[in-house]
Amino acid sequence: MRRIIQPVTVENALLGHPDILDVAVAGVPDERWGQIVKAYVVSRNETLTSADLDHWVRTSSTLDSYMRPRQYQFVQEIPRNPSGKILRRLLYDLDAQVPRRM
């Protein structure tokens, strides 16, 4: 069964983490599932890892399991237009950049 995930729901949950300054979520292609949830994260803590975030989401957030990001990419900033709206189409360009850390 295909489930619809609203990016803003996942983003709001992730913003509850004390080390996340900004976040954007998008669906990215996956061979097994067709698409998975990926979070692009701006962190205030250079030591924060994907494993840390995944553990936090599993234990502290209100997200259902199917909404949990399966990938995290740490970025310097989230692309936004002048009014602050996330430019989701530009998130895929971030995939071509070298991540700060895993």
Foldseek 3Di string as FASTA:
>chain_A
DDDDDDFVVVQVQLVVDPFFPGKTWDWDQDPPPRTFIEMETATPDLPDDPVNSQVCCVPPTPDDPRRRGPYYAYDNDFDADPVRHGPVVCVVVCVVDDGPHD
